[in-house]
PDB file of N, CA and C in Angstrom:
ATOM      1  N   MET A   1      -0.988  -8.832  -4.356  1.00  0.00           N
ATOM      2  CA  MET A   1      -0.850  -9.027  -5.788  1.00  0.00           C
ATOM      3  C   MET A   1      -2.233  -8.997  -6.441  1.00  0.00           C
ATOM      4  N   THR A   2      -2.345  -8.324  -7.563  1.00  0.00           N
ATOM      5  CA  THR A   2      -3.605  -8.196  -8.264  1.00  0.00           C
ATOM      6  C   THR A   2      -4.013  -9.525  -8.882  1.00  0.00           C
ATOM      7  N   GLN A   3      -5.286  -9.847  -8.754  1.00  0.00           N
ATOM      8  CA  GLN A   3      -5.815 -11.047  -9.380  1.00  0.00           C
ATOM      9  C   GLN A   3      -5.749 -10.885 -10.889  1.00  0.00           C
ATOM     10  N   LYS A   4      -5.514 -11.975 -11.583  1.00  0.00           N
ATOM     11  CA  LYS A   4      -5.430 -11.920 -13.039  1.00  0.00           C
ATOM     12  C   LYS A   4      -6.804 -11.954 -13.689  1.00  0.00           C
ATOM     13  N   ARG A   5      -7.750 -12.684 -13.059  1.00  0.00           N
ATOM     14  CA  ARG A   5      -9.109 -12.726 -13.591  1.00  0.00           C
ATOM     15  C   ARG A   5     -10.077 -13.239 -12.528  1.00  0.00           C
ATOM     16  N   ILE A   6     -11.284 -12.743 -12.613  1.00  0.00           N
ATOM     17  CA  ILE A   6     -12.340 -13.164 -11.693  1.00  0.00           C
ATOM     18  C   ILE A   6     -13.676 -13.161 -12.443  1.00  0.00           C
ATOM     19  N   ILE A   7     -14.644 -13.857 -11.866  1.00  0.00           N
ATOM     20  CA  ILE A   7     -16.015 -13.684 -12.313  1.00  0.00           C
ATOM     21  C   ILE A   7     -16.537 -12.509 -11.498  1.00  0.00           C
ATOM     22  N   CYS A   8     -16.911 -11.472 -12.195  1.00  0.00           N
ATOM     23  CA  CYS A   8     -17.280 -10.202 -11.583  1.00  0.00           C
ATOM     24  C   CYS A   8     -18.790  -9.998 -11.696  1.00  0.00           C
ATOM     25  N   SER A   9     -19.419  -9.608 -10.593  1.00  0.00           N
ATOM     26  CA  SER A   9     -20.829  -9.219 -10.609  1.00  0.00           C
ATOM     27  C   SER A   9     -20.892  -7.696 -10.629  1.00  0.00           C
ATOM     28  N   ILE A  10     -21.789  -7.172 -11.439  1.00  0.00           N
ATOM     29  CA  ILE A  10     -21.937  -5.725 -11.582  1.00  0.00           C
ATOM     30  C   ILE A  10     -23.348  -5.343 -11.136  1.00  0.00           C
ATOM     31  N   TYR A  11     -23.398  -4.348 -10.247  1.00  0.00           N
ATOM     32  CA  TYR A  11     -24.665  -3.860  -9.711  1.00  0.00           C
ATOM     33  C   TYR A  11     -24.843  -2.396 -10.073  1.00  0.00           C
ATOM     34  N   ARG A  12     -26.060  -2.023 -10.427  1.00  0.00           N
ATOM     35  CA  ARG A  12     -26.409  -0.649 -10.760  1.00  0.00           C
ATOM     36  C   ARG A  12     -27.102  -0.008  -9.571  1.00  0.00           C
ATOM     37  N   SER A  13     -26.806   1.264  -9.345  1.00  0.00           N
ATOM     38  CA  SER A  13     -27.479   2.019  -8.292  1.00  0.00           C
ATOM     39  C   SER A  13     -28.827   2.517  -8.804  1.00  0.00           C
ATOM     40  N   LYS A  14     -29.860   2.358  -7.988  1.00  0.00           N
ATOM     41  CA  LYS A  14     -31.165   2.911  -8.345  1.00  0.00           C
ATOM     42  C   LYS A  14     -31.271   4.367  -7.896  1.00  0.00           C
ATOM     43  N   LYS A  15     -30.347   4.810  -7.034  1.00  0.00           N
ATOM     44  CA  LYS A  15     -30.360   6.189  -6.532  1.00  0.00           C
ATOM     45  C   LYS A  15     -29.596   7.152  -7.439  1.00  0.00           C
ATOM     46  N   LYS A  16     -28.487   6.670  -7.996  1.00  0.00           N
ATOM     47  CA  LYS A  16     -27.614   7.550  -8.772  1.00  0.00           C
ATOM     48  C   LYS A  16     -27.412   6.980 -10.169  1.00  0.00           C
ATOM     49  N   ASP A  17     -27.826   7.740 -11.167  1.00  0.00           N
ATOM     50  CA  ASP A  17     -27.701   7.323 -12.551  1.00  0.00           C
ATOM     51  C   ASP A  17     -26.237   7.105 -12.924  1.00  0.00           C
ATOM     52  N   GLU A  18     -25.957   6.033 -13.601  1.00  0.00           N
ATOM     53  CA  GLU A  18     -24.620   5.674 -14.104  1.00  0.00           C
ATOM     54  C   GLU A  18     -23.606   5.375 -12.999  1.00  0.00           C
ATOM     55  N   MET A  19     -24.062   4.950 -11.823  1.00  0.00           N
ATOM     56  CA  MET A  19     -23.162   4.524 -10.755  1.00  0.00           C
ATOM     57  C   MET A  19     -23.266   3.002 -10.643  1.00  0.00           C
ATOM     58  N   TYR A  20     -22.103   2.330 -10.627  1.00  0.00           N
ATOM     59  CA  TYR A  20     -22.064   0.875 -10.607  1.00  0.00           C
ATOM     60  C   TYR A  20     -21.064   0.369  -9.573  1.00  0.00           C
ATOM     61  N   LEU A  21     -21.368  -0.794  -8.992  1.00  0.00           N
ATOM     62  CA  LEU A  21     -20.447  -1.506  -8.105  1.00  0.00           C
ATOM     63  C   LEU A  21     -20.010  -2.783  -8.792  1.00  0.00           C
ATOM     64  N   TYR A  22     -18.714  -3.026  -8.800  1.00  0.00           N
ATOM     65  CA  TYR A  22     -18.134  -4.261  -9.327  1.00  0.00           C
ATOM     66  C   TYR A  22     -17.603  -5.051  -8.133  1.00  0.00           C
ATOM     67  N   VAL A  23     -17.967  -6.324  -8.045  1.00  0.00           N
ATOM     68  CA  VAL A  23     -17.505  -7.171  -6.943  1.00  0.00           C
ATOM     69  C   VAL A  23     -17.172  -8.561  -7.457  1.00  0.00           C
ATOM     70  N   ASP A  24     -16.382  -9.292  -6.684  1.00  0.00           N
ATOM     71  CA  ASP A  24     -16.120 -10.703  -6.965  1.00  0.00           C
ATOM     72  C   ASP A  24     -17.423 -11.457  -6.737  1.00  0.00           C
ATOM     73  N   LYS A  25     -17.864 -12.215  -7.723  1.00  0.00           N
ATOM     74  CA  LYS A  25     -19.151 -12.907  -7.615  1.00  0.00           C
ATOM     75  C   LYS A  25     -19.205 -13.833  -6.410  1.00  0.00           C
ATOM     76  N   THR A  26     -18.096 -14.464  -6.070  1.00  0.00           N
ATOM     77  CA  THR A  26     -18.102 -15.420  -4.958  1.00  0.00           C
ATOM     78  C   THR A  26     -18.325 -14.742  -3.609  1.00  0.00           C
ATOM     79  N   LYS A  27     -18.008 -13.451  -3.514  1.00  0.00           N
ATOM     80  CA  LYS A  27     -18.172 -12.721  -2.250  1.00  0.00           C
ATOM     81  C   LYS A  27     -19.359 -11.776  -2.289  1.00  0.00           C
ATOM     82  N   ALA A  28     -19.903 -11.558  -3.484  1.00  0.00           N
ATOM     83  CA  ALA A  28     -21.051 -10.659  -3.693  1.00  0.00           C
ATOM     84  C   ALA A  28     -20.807  -9.313  -3.012  1.00  0.00           C
ATOM     85  N   LEU A  29     -21.780  -8.819  -2.292  1.00  0.00           N
ATOM     86  CA  LEU A  29     -21.687  -7.493  -1.664  1.00  0.00           C
ATOM     87  C   LEU A  29     -21.191  -7.540  -0.228  1.00  0.00           C
ATOM     88  N   SER A  30     -20.715  -8.699   0.210  1.00  0.00           N
ATOM     89  CA  SER A  30     -20.334  -8.875   1.620  1.00  0.00           C
ATOM     90  C   SER A  30     -19.188  -7.962   2.071  1.00  0.00           C
ATOM     91  N   LEU A  31     -18.323  -7.527   1.165  1.00  0.00           N
ATOM     92  CA  LEU A  31     -17.177  -6.689   1.539  1.00  0.00           C
ATOM     93  C   LEU A  31     -17.424  -5.200   1.319  1.00  0.00           C
ATOM     94  N   VAL A  32     -18.590  -4.849   0.800  1.00  0.00           N
ATOM     95  CA  VAL A  32     -18.908  -3.440   0.560  1.00  0.00           C
ATOM     96  C   VAL A  32     -19.359  -2.815   1.878  1.00  0.00           C
ATOM     97  N   PRO A  33     -18.733  -1.697   2.285  1.00  0.00           N
ATOM     98  CA  PRO A  33     -19.096  -1.065   3.560  1.00  0.00           C
ATOM     99  C   PRO A  33     -20.581  -0.665   3.598  1.00  0.00           C
ATOM    100  N   GLU A  34     -21.172  -0.788   4.780  1.00  0.00           N
ATOM    101  CA  GLU A  34     -22.597  -0.468   4.966  1.00  0.00           C
ATOM    102  C   GLU A  34     -22.897   0.974   4.566  1.00  0.00           C
ATOM    103  N   ALA A  35     -22.005   1.903   4.909  1.00  0.00           N
ATOM    104  CA  ALA A  35     -22.222   3.319   4.575  1.00  0.00           C
ATOM    105  C   ALA A  35     -22.290   3.517   3.057  1.00  0.00           C
ATOM    106  N   LEU A  36     -21.444   2.812   2.320  1.00  0.00           N
ATOM    107  CA  LEU A  36     -21.465   2.916   0.861  1.00  0.00           C
ATOM    108  C   LEU A  36     -22.763   2.333   0.306  1.00  0.00           C
ATOM    109  N   LEU A  37     -23.186   1.199   0.835  1.00  0.00           N
ATOM    110  CA  LEU A  37     -24.444   0.599   0.373  1.00  0.00           C
ATOM    111  C   LEU A  37     -25.632   1.513   0.655  1.00  0.00           C
ATOM    112  N   LYS A  38     -25.607   2.206   1.776  1.00  0.00           N
ATOM    113  CA  LYS A  38     -26.690   3.132   2.099  1.00  0.00           C
ATOM    114  C   LYS A  38     -26.725   4.276   1.086  1.00  0.00           C
ATOM    115  N   MET A  39     -25.564   4.828   0.763  1.00  0.00           N
ATOM    116  CA  MET A  39     -25.474   5.908  -0.210  1.00  0.00           C
ATOM    117  C   MET A  39     -25.834   5.403  -1.612  1.00  0.00           C
ATOM    118  N   PHE A  40     -25.418   4.182  -1.924  1.00  0.00           N
ATOM    119  CA  PHE A  40     -25.628   3.570  -3.240  1.00  0.00           C
ATOM    120  C   PHE A  40     -27.111   3.252  -3.475  1.00  0.00           C
ATOM    121  N   GLY A  41     -27.810   2.892  -2.428  1.00  0.00           N
ATOM    122  CA  GLY A  41     -29.213   2.500  -2.560  1.00  0.00           C
ATOM    123  C   GLY A  41     -29.323   1.006  -2.841  1.00  0.00           C
ATOM    124  N   GLN A  42     -30.541   0.540  -3.054  1.00  0.00           N
ATOM    125  CA  GLN A  42     -30.774  -0.875  -3.326  1.00  0.00           C
ATOM    126  C   GLN A  42     -30.037  -1.284  -4.601  1.00  0.00           C
ATOM    127  N   PRO A  43     -29.024  -2.160  -4.501  1.00  0.00           N
ATOM    128  CA  PRO A  43     -28.277  -2.575  -5.692  1.00  0.00           C
ATOM    129  C   PRO A  43     -29.154  -3.428  -6.613  1.00  0.00           C
ATOM    130  N   GLU A  44     -29.069  -3.150  -7.894  1.00  0.00           N
ATOM    131  CA  GLU A  44     -29.789  -3.925  -8.901  1.00  0.00           C
ATOM    132  C   GLU A  44     -28.753  -4.702  -9.715  1.00  0.00           C
ATOM    133  N   HIS A  45     -28.796  -6.024  -9.621  1.00  0.00           N
ATOM    134  CA  HIS A  45     -27.834  -6.854 -10.345  1.00  0.00           C
ATOM    135  C   HIS A  45     -28.036  -6.670 -11.844  1.00  0.00           C
ATOM    136  N   ARG A  46     -26.963  -6.322 -12.550  1.00  0.00           N
ATOM    137  CA  ARG A  46     -27.044  -6.107 -13.993  1.00  0.00           C
ATOM    138  C   ARG A  46     -26.474  -7.281 -14.776  1.00  0.00           C
ATOM    139  N   MET A  47     -25.313  -7.781 -14.349  1.00  0.00           N
ATOM    140  CA  MET A  47     -24.694  -8.891 -15.087  1.00  0.00           C
ATOM    141  C   MET A  47     -23.514  -9.457 -14.335  1.00  0.00           C
ATOM    142  N   ASP A  48     -23.079 -10.630 -14.798  1.00  0.00           N
ATOM    143  CA  ASP A  48     -21.830 -11.247 -14.365  1.00  0.00           C
ATOM    144  C   ASP A  48     -20.970 -11.403 -15.603  1.00  0.00           C
ATOM    145  N   MET A  49     -19.658 -11.269 -15.427  1.00  0.00           N
ATOM    146  CA  MET A  49     -18.757 -11.462 -16.567  1.00  0.00           C
ATOM    147  C   MET A  49     -17.386 -11.888 -16.073  1.00  0.00           C
ATOM    148  N   LEU A  50     -16.669 -12.554 -16.954  1.00  0.00           N
ATOM    149  CA  LEU A  50     -15.276 -12.878 -16.682  1.00  0.00           C
ATOM    150  C   LEU A  50     -14.477 -11.607 -16.919  1.00  0.00           C
ATOM    151  N   LEU A  51     -13.785 -11.157 -15.887  1.00  0.00           N
ATOM    152  CA  LEU A  51     -12.999  -9.928 -15.985  1.00  0.00           C
ATOM    153  C   LEU A  51     -11.525 -10.268 -15.928  1.00  0.00           C
ATOM    154  N   THR A  52     -10.816  -9.893 -16.978  1.00  0.00           N
ATOM    155  CA  THR A  52      -9.372 -10.079 -17.057  1.00  0.00           C
ATOM    156  C   THR A  52      -8.723  -8.708 -17.210  1.00  0.00           C
ATOM    157  N   ALA A  53      -7.458  -8.620 -16.881  1.00  0.00           N
ATOM    158  CA  ALA A  53      -6.754  -7.330 -16.914  1.00  0.00           C
ATOM    159  C   ALA A  53      -6.735  -6.705 -18.306  1.00  0.00           C
ATOM    160  N   ASP A  54      -6.810  -7.518 -19.340  1.00  0.00           N
ATOM    161  CA  ASP A  54      -6.753  -6.972 -20.695  1.00  0.00           C
ATOM    162  C   ASP A  54      -8.128  -6.739 -21.320  1.00  0.00           C
ATOM    163  N   LYS A  55      -9.198  -6.934 -20.561  1.00  0.00           N
ATOM    164  CA  LYS A  55     -10.561  -6.733 -21.079  1.00  0.00           C
ATOM    165  C   LYS A  55     -10.798  -5.251 -21.336  1.00  0.00           C
ATOM    166  N   LYS A  56     -11.383  -4.932 -22.476  1.00  0.00           N
ATOM    167  CA  LYS A  56     -11.706  -3.551 -22.833  1.00  0.00           C
ATOM    168  C   LYS A  56     -13.092  -3.206 -22.293  1.00  0.00           C
ATOM    169  N   LEU A  57     -13.158  -2.148 -21.498  1.00  0.00           N
ATOM    170  CA  LEU A  57     -14.417  -1.680 -20.936  1.00  0.00           C
ATOM    171  C   LEU A  57     -14.625  -0.222 -21.335  1.00  0.00           C
ATOM    172  N   ALA A  58     -15.864   0.213 -21.355  1.00  0.00           N
ATOM    173  CA  ALA A  58     -16.185   1.553 -21.844  1.00  0.00           C
ATOM    174  C   ALA A  58     -15.720   2.673 -20.912  1.00  0.00           C
ATOM    175  N   LYS A  59     -15.930   2.525 -19.610  1.00  0.00           N
ATOM    176  CA  LYS A  59     -15.700   3.663 -18.714  1.00  0.00           C
ATOM    177  C   LYS A  59     -14.695   3.422 -17.600  1.00  0.00           C
ATOM    178  N   ALA A  60     -14.064   2.274 -17.584  1.00  0.00           N
ATOM    179  CA  ALA A  60     -13.082   1.986 -16.535  1.00  0.00           C
ATOM    180  C   ALA A  60     -12.017   1.052 -17.085  1.00  0.00           C
ATOM    181  N   LYS A  61     -10.860   1.065 -16.447  1.00  0.00           N
ATOM    182  CA  LYS A  61      -9.793   0.139 -16.819  1.00  0.00           C
ATOM    183  C   LYS A  61      -9.969  -1.150 -16.032  1.00  0.00           C
ATOM    184  N   ALA A  62      -9.948  -2.263 -16.718  1.00  0.00           N
ATOM    185  CA  ALA A  62     -10.118  -3.563 -16.064  1.00  0.00           C
ATOM    186  C   ALA A  62      -9.058  -3.773 -14.986  1.00  0.00           C
ATOM    187  N   GLU A  63      -7.836  -3.331 -15.247  1.00  0.00           N
ATOM    188  CA  GLU A  63      -6.755  -3.453 -14.255  1.00  0.00           C
ATOM    189  C   GLU A  63      -7.112  -2.732 -12.950  1.00  0.00           C
ATOM    190  N   ASP A  64      -7.701  -1.533 -13.074  1.00  0.00           N
ATOM    191  CA  ASP A  64      -8.092  -0.770 -11.881  1.00  0.00           C
ATOM    192  C   ASP A  64      -9.195  -1.488 -11.111  1.00  0.00           C
ATOM    193  N   ILE A  65     -10.147  -2.043 -11.839  1.00  0.00           N
ATOM    194  CA  ILE A  65     -11.238  -2.763 -11.195  1.00  0.00           C
ATOM    195  C   ILE A  65     -10.694  -3.973 -10.440  1.00  0.00           C
ATOM    196  N   LEU A  66      -9.862  -4.759 -11.108  1.00  0.00           N
ATOM    197  CA  LEU A  66      -9.284  -5.945 -10.473  1.00  0.00           C
ATOM    198  C   LEU A  66      -8.452  -5.571  -9.251  1.00  0.00           C
ATOM    199  N   SER A  67      -7.672  -4.518  -9.367  1.00  0.00           N
ATOM    200  CA  SER A  67      -6.826  -4.071  -8.262  1.00  0.00           C
ATOM    201  C   SER A  67      -7.671  -3.640  -7.061  1.00  0.00           C
ATOM    202  N   ASN A  68      -8.729  -2.866  -7.304  1.00  0.00           N
ATOM    203  CA  ASN A  68      -9.596  -2.415  -6.208  1.00  0.00           C
ATOM    204  C   ASN A  68     -10.342  -3.573  -5.575  1.00  0.00           C
ATOM    205  N   ILE A  69     -10.837  -4.493  -6.382  1.00  0.00           N
ATOM    206  CA  ILE A  69     -11.536  -5.652  -5.823  1.00  0.00           C
ATOM    207  C   ILE A  69     -10.575  -6.469  -4.963  1.00  0.00           C
ATOM    208  N   ASP A  70      -9.352  -6.623  -5.420  1.00  0.00           N
ATOM    209  CA  ASP A  70      -8.351  -7.369  -4.666  1.00  0.00           C
ATOM    210  C   ASP A  70      -8.009  -6.668  -3.344  1.00  0.00           C
ATOM    211  N   ALA A  71      -7.887  -5.343  -3.381  1.00  0.00           N
ATOM    212  CA  ALA A  71      -7.463  -4.576  -2.204  1.00  0.00           C
ATOM    213  C   ALA A  71      -8.594  -4.310  -1.208  1.00  0.00           C
ATOM    214  N   GLN A  72      -9.795  -3.976  -1.718  1.00  0.00           N
ATOM    215  CA  GLN A  72     -10.857  -3.559  -0.793  1.00  0.00           C
ATOM    216  C   GLN A  72     -12.153  -4.344  -0.940  1.00  0.00           C
ATOM    217  N   GLY A  73     -12.237  -5.207  -1.936  1.00  0.00           N
ATOM    218  CA  GLY A  73     -13.418  -6.052  -2.084  1.00  0.00           C
ATOM    219  C   GLY A  73     -14.457  -5.543  -3.053  1.00  0.00           C
ATOM    220  N   TYR A  74     -14.240  -4.355  -3.617  1.00  0.00           N
ATOM    221  CA  TYR A  74     -15.207  -3.794  -4.572  1.00  0.00           C
ATOM    222  C   TYR A  74     -14.549  -2.680  -5.379  1.00  0.00           C
ATOM    223  N   TYR A  75     -15.209  -2.306  -6.472  1.00  0.00           N
ATOM    224  CA  TYR A  75     -14.809  -1.145  -7.268  1.00  0.00           C
ATOM    225  C   TYR A  75     -16.072  -0.332  -7.493  1.00  0.00           C
ATOM    226  N   LEU A  76     -16.035   0.943  -7.195  1.00  0.00           N
ATOM    227  CA  LEU A  76     -17.171   1.831  -7.390  1.00  0.00           C
ATOM    228  C   LEU A  76     -16.926   2.682  -8.624  1.00  0.00           C
ATOM    229  N   GLN A  77     -17.790   2.540  -9.617  1.00  0.00           N
ATOM    230  CA  GLN A  77     -17.707   3.373 -10.812  1.00  0.00           C
ATOM    231  C   GLN A  77     -18.665   4.544 -10.627  1.00  0.00           C
ATOM    232  N   MET A  78     -18.103   5.735 -10.562  1.00  0.00           N
ATOM    233  CA  MET A  78     -18.895   6.938 -10.344  1.00  0.00           C
ATOM    234  C   MET A  78     -19.495   7.431 -11.666  1.00  0.00           C
ATOM    235  N   PRO A  79     -20.600   8.173 -11.581  1.00  0.00           N
ATOM    236  CA  PRO A  79     -21.168   8.756 -12.796  1.00  0.00           C
ATOM    237  C   PRO A  79     -20.196   9.771 -13.391  1.00  0.00           C
ATOM    238  N   PRO A  80     -20.248   9.971 -14.696  1.00  0.00           N
ATOM    239  CA  PRO A  80     -19.358  10.964 -15.298  1.00  0.00           C
ATOM    240  C   PRO A  80     -19.732  12.369 -14.815  1.00  0.00           C
ATOM    241  N   VAL A  81     -18.728  13.226 -14.746  1.00  0.00           N
ATOM    242  CA  VAL A  81     -18.955  14.614 -14.363  1.00  0.00           C
ATOM    243  C   VAL A  81     -19.644  15.309 -15.526  1.00  0.00           C
ATOM    244  N   ARG A  82     -20.697  16.019 -15.226  1.00  0.00           N
ATOM    245  CA  ARG A  82     -21.417  16.753 -16.266  1.00  0.00           C
ATOM    246  C   ARG A  82     -21.003  18.218 -16.191  1.00  0.00           C
ATOM    247  N   GLU A  83     -20.617  18.748 -17.331  1.00  0.00           N
ATOM    248  CA  GLU A  83     -20.254  20.162 -17.398  1.00  0.00           C
ATOM    249  C   GLU A  83     -21.510  21.009 -17.201  1.00  0.00           C
ATOM    250  N   GLU A  84     -21.358  22.178 -16.610  1.00  0.00           N
ATOM    251  CA  GLU A  84     -22.499  23.041 -16.307  1.00  0.00           C
ATOM    252  C   GLU A  84     -23.334  23.337 -17.554  1.00  0.00           C
ATOM    253  N   TYR A  85     -22.678  23.608 -18.679  1.00  0.00           N
ATOM    254  CA  TYR A  85     -23.446  23.923 -19.885  1.00  0.00           C
ATOM    255  C   TYR A  85     -24.237  22.714 -20.377  1.00  0.00           C
ATOM    256  N   MET A  86     -23.762  21.494 -20.076  1.00  0.00           N
ATOM    257  CA  MET A  86     -24.478  20.292 -20.489  1.00  0.00           C
ATOM    258  C   MET A  86     -25.741  20.082 -19.657  1.00  0.00           C
ATOM    259  N   LEU A  87     -25.751  20.592 -18.434  1.00  0.00           N
ATOM    260  CA  LEU A  87     -26.923  20.435 -17.585  1.00  0.00           C
ATOM    261  C   LEU A  87     -28.130  21.150 -18.174  1.00  0.00           C
ATOM    262  N   ASP A  88     -27.900  22.198 -18.990  1.00  0.00           N
ATOM    263  CA  ASP A  88     -29.000  22.903 -19.642  1.00  0.00           C
ATOM    264  C   ASP A  88     -29.789  21.974 -20.563  1.00  0.00           C
ATOM    265  N   LEU A  89     -29.149  20.949 -21.088  1.00  0.00           N
ATOM    266  CA  LEU A  89     -29.856  20.002 -21.946  1.00  0.00           C
ATOM    267  C   LEU A  89     -30.977  19.304 -21.193  1.00  0.00           C
ATOM    268  N   TYR A  90     -30.779  19.113 -19.887  1.00  0.00           N
ATOM    269  CA  TYR A  90     -31.786  18.446 -19.083  1.00  0.00           C
ATOM    270  C   TYR A  90     -32.891  19.405 -18.635  1.00  0.00           C
ATOM    271  N   ARG A  91     -32.619  20.697 -18.671  1.00  0.00           N
ATOM    272  CA  ARG A  91     -33.587  21.690 -18.222  1.00  0.00           C
ATOM    273  C   ARG A  91     -34.435  22.246 -19.361  1.00  0.00           C
ATOM    274  N   THR A  92     -33.920  22.198 -20.584  1.00  0.00           N
ATOM    275  CA  THR A  92     -34.589  22.780 -21.731  1.00  0.00           C
ATOM    276  C   THR A  92     -35.729  21.874 -22.198  1.00  0.00           C
ATOM    277  N   PRO A  93     -36.918  22.456 -22.463  1.00  0.00           N
ATOM    278  CA  PRO A  93     -38.013  21.626 -22.964  1.00  0.00           C
ATOM    279  C   PRO A  93     -37.653  21.011 -24.318  1.00  0.00           C
ATOM    280  N   LEU A  94     -38.205  19.842 -24.580  1.00  0.00           N
ATOM    281  CA  LEU A  94     -37.904  19.160 -25.830  1.00  0.00           C
ATOM    282  C   LEU A  94     -38.499  19.856 -27.041  1.00  0.00           C
ATOM    283  N   ASN A  95     -39.643  20.489 -26.894  1.00  0.00           N
ATOM    284  CA  ASN A  95     -40.296  21.173 -28.009  1.00  0.00           C
ATOM    285  C   ASN A  95     -40.486  22.646 -27.684  1.00  0.00           C
ATOM    286  N   PRO A  96     -39.400  23.401 -27.698  1.00  0.00           N
ATOM    287  CA  PRO A  96     -39.550  24.825 -27.338  1.00  0.00           C
ATOM    288  C   PRO A  96     -40.356  25.557 -28.413  1.00  0.00           C
ATOM    289  N   THR A  97     -41.088  26.568 -27.992  1.00  0.00           N
ATOM    290  CA  THR A  97     -41.814  27.418 -28.933  1.00  0.00           C
ATOM    291  C   THR A  97     -41.050  28.712 -29.059  1.00  0.00           C
ATOM    292  N   TYR A  98     -40.834  29.119 -30.253  1.00  0.00           N
ATOM    293  CA  TYR A  98     -40.057  30.334 -30.505  1.00  0.00           C
ATOM    294  C   TYR A  98     -40.959  31.458 -30.929  1.00  0.00           C
TER     295      TYR A  98
END
Protein backbone atom coordinates (compact mmCIF):
# COMPACT_ATOMS: atom_id res chain seq x y z
CA MET A 1 0.00 0.00 0.00
CA THR A 2 1.29 3.45 -0.91
CA GLN A 3 2.28 5.71 1.94
CA LYS A 4 0.06 8.75 2.31
CA ARG A 5 2.87 11.11 3.34
CA ILE A 6 6.52 11.10 4.27
CA ILE A 7 9.33 13.50 5.00
CA CYS A 8 11.24 13.25 1.76
CA SER A 9 14.91 14.09 1.19
CA ILE A 10 15.87 15.24 -2.29
CA TYR A 11 19.38 14.84 -3.68
CA ARG A 12 20.80 16.39 -6.85
CA SER A 13 23.28 14.59 -9.09
CA LYS A 14 26.56 16.40 -9.68
CA LYS A 15 27.18 14.21 -12.75
CA LYS A 16 23.90 14.69 -14.60
CA ASP A 17 22.11 18.02 -14.85
CA GLU A 18 18.48 17.95 -13.67
CA MET A 19 18.68 14.41 -12.22
CA TYR A 20 17.32 13.99 -8.68
CA LEU A 21 16.82 11.20 -6.14
CA TYR A 22 13.86 11.30 -3.76
CA VAL A 23 14.09 9.13 -0.64
CA ASP A 24 12.41 8.71 2.74
CA LYS A 25 14.42 10.93 5.08
CA THR A 26 14.47 8.28 7.82
CA LYS A 27 16.20 5.79 5.50
CA ALA A 28 18.27 8.32 3.51
CA LEU A 29 20.22 6.65 0.69
CA SER A 30 20.46 3.24 2.36
CA LEU A 31 17.98 1.59 -0.07
CA VAL A 32 19.43 3.07 -3.26
CA PRO A 33 21.36 0.39 -5.21
CA GLU A 34 25.15 0.87 -5.34
CA ALA A 35 25.14 0.76 -9.17
CA LEU A 36 22.63 3.63 -9.30
CA LEU A 37 24.66 5.69 -6.83
CA LYS A 38 27.78 5.13 -8.93
CA MET A 39 25.97 6.33 -12.07
CA PHE A 40 24.33 9.19 -10.13
CA GLY A 41 27.62 10.46 -8.70
CA GLN A 42 28.15 12.13 -5.33
CA PRO A 43 24.62 13.06 -4.15
CA GLU A 44 24.19 16.68 -3.10
CA HIS A 45 21.41 17.17 -0.54
CA ARG A 46 19.06 19.88 -1.81
CA MET A 47 16.13 19.86 0.61
CA ASP A 48 13.69 17.98 2.80
CA MET A 49 9.94 18.38 2.49
CA LEU A 50 6.68 16.85 3.59
CA LEU A 51 5.45 14.92 0.58
CA THR A 52 1.77 14.06 0.30
CA ALA A 53 -0.06 12.44 -2.61
CA ASP A 54 -1.85 15.69 -3.44
CA LYS A 55 1.29 17.89 -3.42
CA LYS A 56 1.86 19.75 -6.70
CA LEU A 57 5.37 19.32 -8.09
CA ALA A 58 6.89 20.76 -11.25
CA LYS A 59 8.26 17.66 -12.98
CA ALA A 60 6.83 14.59 -11.26
CA LYS A 61 3.61 13.34 -9.74
CA ALA A 62 3.76 13.11 -5.95
CA GLU A 63 1.74 9.87 -6.11
CA ASP A 64 4.41 8.28 -8.35
CA ILE A 65 7.19 9.39 -6.04
CA LEU A 66 5.43 8.02 -2.96
CA SER A 67 4.63 4.76 -4.73
CA ASN A 68 8.24 4.24 -5.88
CA ILE A 69 9.67 5.09 -2.48
CA ASP A 70 7.25 2.63 -0.89
CA ALA A 71 8.05 -0.14 -3.41
CA GLN A 72 11.80 0.25 -3.96
CA GLY A 73 13.06 2.82 -1.46
CA TYR A 74 13.70 5.70 -3.86
CA TYR A 75 12.40 7.65 -6.85
CA LEU A 76 14.78 8.72 -9.62
CA GLN A 77 13.79 11.84 -11.53
CA MET A 78 15.52 11.77 -14.90
CA PRO A 79 16.53 14.89 -16.83
CA PRO A 80 14.05 16.00 -19.47
CA VAL A 81 14.64 14.74 -22.99
CA ARG A 82 16.13 17.46 -25.15
CA GLU A 83 15.02 17.62 -28.76
CA GLU A 84 17.88 17.58 -31.29
CA TYR A 85 17.08 21.09 -32.53
CA MET A 86 17.20 22.38 -28.94
CA LEU A 87 20.74 21.07 -28.51
CA ASP A 88 21.87 23.70 -31.05
CA LEU A 89 21.11 26.33 -28.40
CA TYR A 90 23.96 24.91 -26.34
CA ARG A 91 26.36 24.83 -29.30
CA THR A 92 25.67 28.29 -30.74
CA PRO A 93 27.88 31.14 -29.47
CA LEU A 94 26.07 33.74 -27.41
CA ASN A 95 27.35 36.67 -29.48
CA PRO A 96 27.51 35.46 -33.07
CA THR A 97 29.04 37.78 -35.65
CA TYR A 98 27.15 38.07 -38.88
